Amino acid sequence: MLNKKRLGAGLAILASAVLVTGCDGLGDGWDRLTGWMGDSDREVDITAMSAEELADHLVLETDSYRFEQEAQEGGTARDRMTQDGIQAACSFEGAPDSDTAGEVIAMARESYQEPPGGPRLGNWRRGAELARSGFGYRLGHNNDDHSQREVGGNCYACHQMDPSEELYGTLGPSLAGYGSTRGSDSAVVNYVHQVVSNPHQYFPCTIMPRFGRNNFLDEEQIAHIMAYLLDPDSPVNQ
């Protein structure tokens, strides 16, 4: 499920492109648009819409998307488009004010579930594989086949981890040497689990996915990624 405001920025580009297609009037461009939407029975004046309004119309009010398609993490495509409390509270641009931040943190902590027996570390080698893998959940005609390949965390899209890794994103802070500087006692393990499961507990309105809360990763996978981050033998800590 996505933050509507942040999704809207990307959809606005799509909507703008569609408007350009029909900018010479409601002739050929309109025919192409309604043919693609499959909604030619109902007249809609798209020229009266803003780019964001048109994006919402295309996604939510036409038959362009198969909303009843089953999502691989559970639920349907329509469920992905329905905001939960945190997403609704975080639908704005910029940083949250103090009231919003407190509300989001409270919701995140209320929904957090500690695994039976408490968080634990798994196998850092398996964690390295999961951290590098971006294999995930796609909707459409070419779904990911999870019977053939395991879902990954795609951690390197945002973080540096292994100092010898040359390719990594910078949306999140560097995690190189994380375990070597913080250790791996129970307090650290508990904290890392809370952040991976639902990072809004400490970073309200973050763009980091809620891997545990949204069932993107199971507890065993989270344990492996935590080991990759904290185990002193992991290359992250060399």
C-alpha atoms as a PDB file:
ATOM      1  CA  MET A   1       0.000   0.000   0.000  1.00  0.00           C
ATOM      2  CA  LEU A   2       1.249   3.438  -0.936  1.00  0.00           C
ATOM      3  CA  ASN A   3       1.214   6.948   0.397  1.00  0.00           C
ATOM      4  CA  LYS A   4      -1.387   8.679  -1.772  1.00  0.00           C
ATOM      5  CA  LYS A   5       0.338  12.063  -1.952  1.00  0.00           C
ATOM      6  CA  ARG A   6       3.680  10.560  -2.907  1.00  0.00           C
ATOM      7  CA  LEU A   7       2.009   8.199  -5.355  1.00  0.00           C
ATOM      8  CA  GLY A   8       0.112  11.151  -6.783  1.00  0.00           C
ATOM      9  CA  ALA A   9       3.294  12.910  -7.851  1.00  0.00           C
ATOM     10  CA  GLY A  10       4.214  10.004 -10.095  1.00  0.00           C
ATOM     11  CA  LEU A  11       0.672   9.563 -11.333  1.00  0.00           C
ATOM     12  CA  ALA A  12       0.511  13.247 -12.153  1.00  0.00           C
ATOM     13  CA  ILE A  13       3.273  12.693 -14.694  1.00  0.00           C
ATOM     14  CA  LEU A  14       1.221   9.919 -16.263  1.00  0.00           C
ATOM     15  CA  ALA A  15      -1.860  12.122 -16.281  1.00  0.00           C
ATOM     16  CA  SER A  16       0.050  15.012 -17.842  1.00  0.00           C
ATOM     17  CA  ALA A  17       1.258  12.695 -20.582  1.00  0.00           C
ATOM     18  CA  VAL A  18      -2.306  11.594 -21.272  1.00  0.00           C
ATOM     19  CA  LEU A  19      -3.457  15.208 -21.419  1.00  0.00           C
ATOM     20  CA  VAL A  20      -0.765  15.944 -23.988  1.00  0.00           C
ATOM     21  CA  THR A  21      -2.096  13.070 -26.093  1.00  0.00           C
ATOM     22  CA  GLY A  22      -5.450  14.799 -26.333  1.00  0.00           C
ATOM     23  CA  CYS A  23      -4.314  18.408 -26.222  1.00  0.00           C
ATOM     24  CA  ASP A  24      -5.574  19.090 -29.746  1.00  0.00           C
ATOM     25  CA  GLY A  25      -9.171  18.699 -28.552  1.00  0.00           C
ATOM     26  CA  LEU A  26     -11.448  15.804 -27.711  1.00  0.00           C
ATOM     27  CA  GLY A  27     -11.052  14.114 -31.060  1.00  0.00           C
ATOM     28  CA  ASP A  28      -8.500  11.400 -31.734  1.00  0.00           C
ATOM     29  CA  GLY A  29      -6.804  11.889 -28.360  1.00  0.00           C
ATOM     30  CA  TRP A  30     -10.114  11.353 -26.525  1.00  0.00           C
ATOM     31  CA  ASP A  31     -10.822   8.204 -28.558  1.00  0.00           C
ATOM     32  CA  ARG A  32      -7.428   6.788 -27.647  1.00  0.00           C
ATOM     33  CA  LEU A  33      -7.935   7.610 -23.984  1.00  0.00           C
ATOM     34  CA  THR A  34     -11.401   6.083 -23.706  1.00  0.00           C
ATOM     35  CA  GLY A  35     -10.330   3.061 -25.700  1.00  0.00           C
ATOM     36  CA  TRP A  36      -7.456   2.451 -23.292  1.00  0.00           C
ATOM     37  CA  MET A  37      -9.677   2.975 -20.248  1.00  0.00           C
ATOM     38  CA  GLY A  38     -12.488   0.784 -21.565  1.00  0.00           C
ATOM     39  CA  ASP A  39     -15.005   3.355 -20.312  1.00  0.00           C
ATOM     40  CA  SER A  40     -16.314   4.951 -23.498  1.00  0.00           C
ATOM     41  CA  ASP A  41     -19.970   4.658 -22.352  1.00  0.00           C
ATOM     42  CA  ARG A  42     -19.579   7.487 -19.823  1.00  0.00           C
ATOM     43  CA  GLU A  43     -18.511  10.942 -20.920  1.00  0.00           C
ATOM     44  CA  VAL A  44     -15.918  12.504 -18.666  1.00  0.00           C
ATOM     45  CA  ASP A  45     -14.434  15.911 -19.366  1.00  0.00           C
ATOM     46  CA  ILE A  46     -10.797  15.286 -18.603  1.00  0.00           C
ATOM     47  CA  THR A  47      -9.893  18.810 -19.692  1.00  0.00           C
ATOM     48  CA  ALA A  48     -11.584  20.118 -16.543  1.00  0.00           C
ATOM     49  CA  MET A  49      -9.387  17.952 -14.296  1.00  0.00           C
ATOM     50  CA  SER A  50      -6.041  18.735 -12.774  1.00  0.00           C
ATOM     51  CA  ALA A  51      -3.254  16.246 -13.442  1.00  0.00           C
ATOM     52  CA  GLU A  52      -3.733  14.701  -9.995  1.00  0.00           C
ATOM     53  CA  GLU A  53      -7.507  14.478 -10.432  1.00  0.00           C
ATOM     54  CA  LEU A  54      -7.087  12.762 -13.783  1.00  0.00           C
ATOM     55  CA  ALA A  55      -4.580  10.344 -12.279  1.00  0.00           C
ATOM     56  CA  ASP A  56      -7.051   9.448  -9.541  1.00  0.00           C
ATOM     57  CA  HIS A  57      -9.785   9.053 -12.139  1.00  0.00           C
ATOM     58  CA  LEU A  58      -7.717   6.726 -14.313  1.00  0.00           C
ATOM     59  CA  VAL A  59      -6.614   4.570 -11.412  1.00  0.00           C
ATOM     60  CA  LEU A  60      -9.689   4.523  -9.189  1.00  0.00           C
ATOM     61  CA  GLU A  61     -12.755   5.159 -11.326  1.00  0.00           C
ATOM     62  CA  THR A  62     -12.196   3.257 -14.569  1.00  0.00           C
ATOM     63  CA  ASP A  63     -11.659  -0.381 -15.463  1.00  0.00           C
ATOM     64  CA  SER A  64      -8.010   0.193 -16.314  1.00  0.00           C
ATOM     65  CA  TYR A  65      -6.762  -1.771 -13.296  1.00  0.00           C
ATOM     66  CA  ARG A  66      -7.819  -5.208 -12.073  1.00  0.00           C
ATOM     67  CA  PHE A  67      -8.565  -4.243  -8.491  1.00  0.00           C
ATOM     68  CA  GLU A  68      -9.903  -7.675  -7.584  1.00  0.00           C
ATOM     69  CA  GLN A  69      -6.654  -9.385  -8.572  1.00  0.00           C
ATOM     70  CA  GLU A  70      -5.215 -11.295  -5.638  1.00  0.00           C
ATOM     71  CA  ALA A  71      -2.114  -9.701  -4.161  1.00  0.00           C
ATOM     72  CA  GLN A  72       0.721 -12.059  -3.387  1.00  0.00           C
ATOM     73  CA  GLU A  73       1.193 -10.755   0.155  1.00  0.00           C
ATOM     74  CA  GLY A  74      -2.520 -11.226   0.857  1.00  0.00           C
ATOM     75  CA  GLY A  75      -5.662  -9.278   0.049  1.00  0.00           C
ATOM     76  CA  THR A  76      -6.395  -7.737  -3.331  1.00  0.00           C
ATOM     77  CA  ALA A  77      -5.096  -4.964  -5.542  1.00  0.00           C
ATOM     78  CA  ARG A  78      -7.909  -2.776  -4.222  1.00  0.00           C
ATOM     79  CA  ASP A  79      -6.603  -3.312  -0.681  1.00  0.00           C
ATOM     80  CA  ARG A  80      -3.256  -1.907  -1.801  1.00  0.00           C
ATOM     81  CA  MET A  81      -4.988   1.291  -2.846  1.00  0.00           C
ATOM     82  CA  THR A  82      -6.752   1.696   0.510  1.00  0.00           C
ATOM     83  CA  GLN A  83      -4.797   3.747   3.012  1.00  0.00           C
ATOM     84  CA  ASP A  84      -4.388   2.632   6.594  1.00  0.00           C
ATOM     85  CA  GLY A  85      -4.130   5.100   9.463  1.00  0.00           C
ATOM     86  CA  ILE A  86      -0.399   5.745   9.132  1.00  0.00           C
ATOM     87  CA  GLN A  87      -0.565   6.286   5.389  1.00  0.00           C
ATOM     88  CA  ALA A  88      -3.474   8.699   5.767  1.00  0.00           C
ATOM     89  CA  ALA A  89      -1.692  10.627   8.510  1.00  0.00           C
ATOM     90  CA  CYS A  90       1.495  10.826   6.411  1.00  0.00           C
ATOM     91  CA  SER A  91      -0.198  12.067   3.222  1.00  0.00           C
ATOM     92  CA  PHE A  92       1.559  15.426   3.028  1.00  0.00           C
ATOM     93  CA  GLU A  93       4.746  16.912   1.669  1.00  0.00           C
ATOM     94  CA  GLY A  94       7.735  17.542   3.887  1.00  0.00           C
ATOM     95  CA  ALA A  95       8.377  16.516   7.465  1.00  0.00           C
ATOM     96  CA  PRO A  96       5.572  15.808   9.959  1.00  0.00           C
ATOM     97  CA  ASP A  97       4.727  18.339  12.630  1.00  0.00           C
ATOM     98  CA  SER A  98       5.012  17.265  16.258  1.00  0.00           C
ATOM     99  CA  ASP A  99       1.336  16.314  16.601  1.00  0.00           C
ATOM    100  CA  THR A 100       1.355  14.185  13.450  1.00  0.00           C
ATOM    101  CA  ALA A 101       4.650  12.558  14.423  1.00  0.00           C
ATOM    102  CA  GLY A 102       3.264  11.623  17.841  1.00  0.00           C
ATOM    103  CA  GLU A 103       0.090  10.216  16.294  1.00  0.00           C
ATOM    104  CA  VAL A 104       2.035   8.110  13.801  1.00  0.00           C
ATOM    105  CA  ILE A 105       4.448   6.784  16.424  1.00  0.00           C
ATOM    106  CA  ALA A 106       1.519   5.796  18.643  1.00  0.00           C
ATOM    107  CA  MET A 107      -0.230   3.939  15.810  1.00  0.00           C
ATOM    108  CA  ALA A 108       2.978   2.162  14.847  1.00  0.00           C
ATOM    109  CA  ARG A 109       3.723   1.021  18.381  1.00  0.00           C
ATOM    110  CA  GLU A 110       0.150  -0.112  18.922  1.00  0.00           C
ATOM    111  CA  SER A 111       0.305  -2.334  15.834  1.00  0.00           C
ATOM    112  CA  TYR A 112       3.786  -3.753  16.538  1.00  0.00           C
ATOM    113  CA  GLN A 113       3.909  -7.451  17.382  1.00  0.00           C
ATOM    114  CA  GLU A 114       6.963  -9.023  18.948  1.00  0.00           C
ATOM    115  CA  PRO A 115       7.670 -12.520  17.608  1.00  0.00           C
ATOM    116  CA  PRO A 116       7.076 -15.469  19.946  1.00  0.00           C
ATOM    117  CA  GLY A 117      10.072 -15.820  22.227  1.00  0.00           C
ATOM    118  CA  GLY A 118      11.325 -12.373  21.273  1.00  0.00           C
ATOM    119  CA  PRO A 119      13.452 -11.182  18.338  1.00  0.00           C
ATOM    120  CA  ARG A 120      16.498 -13.275  17.468  1.00  0.00           C
ATOM    121  CA  LEU A 121      19.357 -13.328  15.000  1.00  0.00           C
ATOM    122  CA  GLY A 122      19.356 -15.807  12.144  1.00  0.00           C
ATOM    123  CA  ASN A 123      22.036 -16.688   9.596  1.00  0.00           C
ATOM    124  CA  TRP A 124      23.917 -13.686   8.258  1.00  0.00           C
ATOM    125  CA  ARG A 125      24.728 -15.452   4.977  1.00  0.00           C
ATOM    126  CA  ARG A 126      21.035 -15.878   4.288  1.00  0.00           C
ATOM    127  CA  GLY A 127      20.556 -12.285   5.376  1.00  0.00           C
ATOM    128  CA  ALA A 128      23.112 -11.127   2.799  1.00  0.00           C
ATOM    129  CA  GLU A 129      21.111 -12.833   0.046  1.00  0.00           C
ATOM    130  CA  LEU A 130      17.858 -11.274   1.232  1.00  0.00           C
ATOM    131  CA  ALA A 131      19.371  -7.805   1.637  1.00  0.00           C
ATOM    132  CA  ARG A 132      20.630  -7.855  -1.961  1.00  0.00           C
ATOM    133  CA  SER A 133      17.480  -9.292  -3.514  1.00  0.00           C
ATOM    134  CA  GLY A 134      14.828  -6.938  -4.854  1.00  0.00           C
ATOM    135  CA  PHE A 135      12.510  -9.793  -5.812  1.00  0.00           C
ATOM    136  CA  GLY A 136       9.100  -8.852  -4.493  1.00  0.00           C
ATOM    137  CA  TYR A 137       5.394  -8.480  -5.099  1.00  0.00           C
ATOM    138  CA  ARG A 138       4.120  -7.362  -8.497  1.00  0.00           C
ATOM    139  CA  LEU A 139       0.577  -7.047  -9.717  1.00  0.00           C
ATOM    140  CA  GLY A 140      -0.286  -7.428 -13.375  1.00  0.00           C
ATOM    141  CA  HIS A 141       0.059 -10.024 -16.087  1.00  0.00           C
ATOM    142  CA  ASN A 142       3.547 -11.149 -15.019  1.00  0.00           C
ATOM    143  CA  ASN A 143       3.441 -11.813 -11.273  1.00  0.00           C
ATOM    144  CA  ASP A 144       6.551 -12.856  -9.394  1.00  0.00           C
ATOM    145  CA  ASP A 145       6.660 -16.622  -8.904  1.00  0.00           C
ATOM    146  CA  HIS A 146       7.521 -17.084  -5.228  1.00  0.00           C
ATOM    147  CA  SER A 147       7.599 -20.857  -5.583  1.00  0.00           C
ATOM    148  CA  GLN A 148      10.764 -20.375  -7.615  1.00  0.00           C
ATOM    149  CA  ARG A 149      12.414 -17.496  -5.783  1.00  0.00           C
ATOM    150  CA  GLU A 150      12.153 -16.003  -2.301  1.00  0.00           C
ATOM    151  CA  VAL A 151      11.042 -12.442  -1.650  1.00  0.00           C
ATOM    152  CA  GLY A 152      13.928 -10.128  -0.745  1.00  0.00           C
ATOM    153  CA  GLY A 153      14.357  -7.031   1.375  1.00  0.00           C
ATOM    154  CA  ASN A 154      16.112  -4.924  -1.297  1.00  0.00           C
ATOM    155  CA  CYS A 155      18.060  -3.197   1.498  1.00  0.00           C
ATOM    156  CA  TYR A 156      20.839  -2.012  -0.819  1.00  0.00           C
ATOM    157  CA  ALA A 157      18.344   0.138  -2.706  1.00  0.00           C
ATOM    158  CA  CYS A 158      18.559   2.616   0.190  1.00  0.00           C
ATOM    159  CA  HIS A 159      21.497   1.662   2.434  1.00  0.00           C
ATOM    160  CA  GLN A 160      25.182   0.927   2.325  1.00  0.00           C
ATOM    161  CA  MET A 161      25.816  -2.255   4.293  1.00  0.00           C
ATOM    162  CA  ASP A 162      28.867  -4.333   3.344  1.00  0.00           C
ATOM    163  CA  PRO A 163      31.669  -1.720   3.030  1.00  0.00           C
ATOM    164  CA  SER A 164      33.095  -3.589   0.049  1.00  0.00           C
ATOM    165  CA  GLU A 165      29.807  -3.371  -1.885  1.00  0.00           C
ATOM    166  CA  GLU A 166      30.169  -0.763  -4.628  1.00  0.00           C
ATOM    167  CA  LEU A 167      26.506  -0.340  -5.566  1.00  0.00           C
ATOM    168  CA  TYR A 168      24.021   0.935  -3.004  1.00  0.00           C
ATOM    169  CA  GLY A 169      21.428   3.652  -2.535  1.00  0.00           C
ATOM    170  CA  THR A 170      21.668   6.676  -0.298  1.00  0.00           C
ATOM    171  CA  LEU A 171      18.018   7.324   0.588  1.00  0.00           C
ATOM    172  CA  GLY A 172      18.731   5.825   4.008  1.00  0.00           C
ATOM    173  CA  PRO A 173      21.784   6.145   6.263  1.00  0.00           C
ATOM    174  CA  SER A 174      24.841   3.976   5.844  1.00  0.00           C
ATOM    175  CA  LEU A 175      24.643   0.808   7.935  1.00  0.00           C
ATOM    176  CA  ALA A 176      28.250  -0.225   7.360  1.00  0.00           C
ATOM    177  CA  GLY A 177      29.762  -1.338  10.662  1.00  0.00           C
ATOM    178  CA  TYR A 178      26.395  -1.112  12.398  1.00  0.00           C
ATOM    179  CA  GLY A 179      26.890  -4.177  14.589  1.00  0.00           C
ATOM    180  CA  SER A 180      30.528  -3.443  15.336  1.00  0.00           C
ATOM    181  CA  THR A 181      29.655  -0.047  16.831  1.00  0.00           C
ATOM    182  CA  ARG A 182      26.397  -0.983  18.565  1.00  0.00           C
ATOM    183  CA  GLY A 183      26.894  -4.607  19.554  1.00  0.00           C
ATOM    184  CA  SER A 184      24.196  -7.248  19.483  1.00  0.00           C
ATOM    185  CA  ASP A 185      22.750  -7.386  22.995  1.00  0.00           C
ATOM    186  CA  SER A 186      19.029  -7.836  23.537  1.00  0.00           C
ATOM    187  CA  ALA A 187      18.292  -4.110  23.578  1.00  0.00           C
ATOM    188  CA  VAL A 188      19.914  -3.621  20.176  1.00  0.00           C
ATOM    189  CA  VAL A 189      18.257  -6.727  18.721  1.00  0.00           C
ATOM    190  CA  ASN A 190      14.850  -5.578  19.963  1.00  0.00           C
ATOM    191  CA  TYR A 191      15.364  -2.105  18.533  1.00  0.00           C
ATOM    192  CA  VAL A 192      16.471  -3.360  15.114  1.00  0.00           C
ATOM    193  CA  HIS A 193      13.518  -5.722  14.943  1.00  0.00           C
ATOM    194  CA  GLN A 194      11.116  -2.880  15.732  1.00  0.00           C
ATOM    195  CA  VAL A 195      12.637  -0.721  12.997  1.00  0.00           C
ATOM    196  CA  VAL A 196      12.578  -3.448  10.341  1.00  0.00           C
ATOM    197  CA  SER A 197       9.061  -4.521  11.287  1.00  0.00           C
ATOM    198  CA  ASN A 198       7.590  -1.007  11.507  1.00  0.00           C
ATOM    199  CA  PRO A 199      10.096   1.873  11.307  1.00  0.00           C
ATOM    200  CA  HIS A 200       7.419   4.501  11.999  1.00  0.00           C
ATOM    201  CA  GLN A 201       7.865   3.645  15.662  1.00  0.00           C
ATOM    202  CA  TYR A 202      11.044   5.731  15.604  1.00  0.00           C
ATOM    203  CA  PHE A 203      10.950   7.543  12.248  1.00  0.00           C
ATOM    204  CA  PRO A 204       7.387   8.788  11.706  1.00  0.00           C
ATOM    205  CA  CYS A 205       6.359   9.074   8.066  1.00  0.00           C
ATOM    206  CA  THR A 206       9.564   7.469   6.848  1.00  0.00           C
ATOM    207  CA  ILE A 207       9.640   6.062   3.314  1.00  0.00           C
ATOM    208  CA  MET A 208      11.120   2.794   4.620  1.00  0.00           C
ATOM    209  CA  PRO A 209       8.711  -0.134   4.117  1.00  0.00           C
ATOM    210  CA  ARG A 210       7.037  -1.781   7.091  1.00  0.00           C
ATOM    211  CA  PHE A 211       8.445  -5.209   6.306  1.00  0.00           C
ATOM    212  CA  GLY A 212       6.897  -7.038   9.233  1.00  0.00           C
ATOM    213  CA  ARG A 213       3.714  -5.035   9.687  1.00  0.00           C
ATOM    214  CA  ASN A 214       2.762  -5.446   6.015  1.00  0.00           C
ATOM    215  CA  ASN A 215       3.891  -9.093   5.780  1.00  0.00           C
ATOM    216  CA  PHE A 216       6.500  -8.392   3.131  1.00  0.00           C
ATOM    217  CA  LEU A 217       9.017 -10.464   5.105  1.00  0.00           C
ATOM    218  CA  ASP A 218       8.299 -13.225   7.594  1.00  0.00           C
ATOM    219  CA  GLU A 219       9.978 -13.463  10.996  1.00  0.00           C
ATOM    220  CA  GLU A 220      12.613 -15.921   9.787  1.00  0.00           C
ATOM    221  CA  GLN A 221      13.632 -13.607   6.960  1.00  0.00           C
ATOM    222  CA  ILE A 222      13.779 -10.634   9.312  1.00  0.00           C
ATOM    223  CA  ALA A 223      15.983 -12.642  11.682  1.00  0.00           C
ATOM    224  CA  HIS A 224      18.414 -13.386   8.830  1.00  0.00           C
ATOM    225  CA  ILE A 225      18.618  -9.728   7.757  1.00  0.00           C
ATOM    226  CA  MET A 226      19.160  -8.678  11.374  1.00  0.00           C
ATOM    227  CA  ALA A 227      22.042 -11.151  11.602  1.00  0.00           C
ATOM    228  CA  TYR A 228      23.580  -9.689   8.445  1.00  0.00           C
ATOM    229  CA  LEU A 229      23.430  -6.288  10.139  1.00  0.00           C
ATOM    230  CA  LEU A 230      24.559  -7.273  13.652  1.00  0.00           C
ATOM    231  CA  ASP A 231      26.558 -10.514  13.593  1.00  0.00           C
ATOM    232  CA  PRO A 232      30.259  -9.747  14.235  1.00  0.00           C
ATOM    233  CA  ASP A 233      31.213 -12.263  11.526  1.00  0.00           C
ATOM    234  CA  SER A 234      29.059 -10.531   8.913  1.00  0.00           C
ATOM    235  CA  PRO A 235      30.975  -8.575   6.254  1.00  0.00           C
ATOM    236  CA  VAL A 236      28.866  -5.559   7.277  1.00  0.00           C
ATOM    237  CA  ASN A 237      30.964  -5.417  10.452  1.00  0.00           C
ATOM    238  CA  GLN A 238      34.424  -6.060   9.033  1.00  0.00           C
END
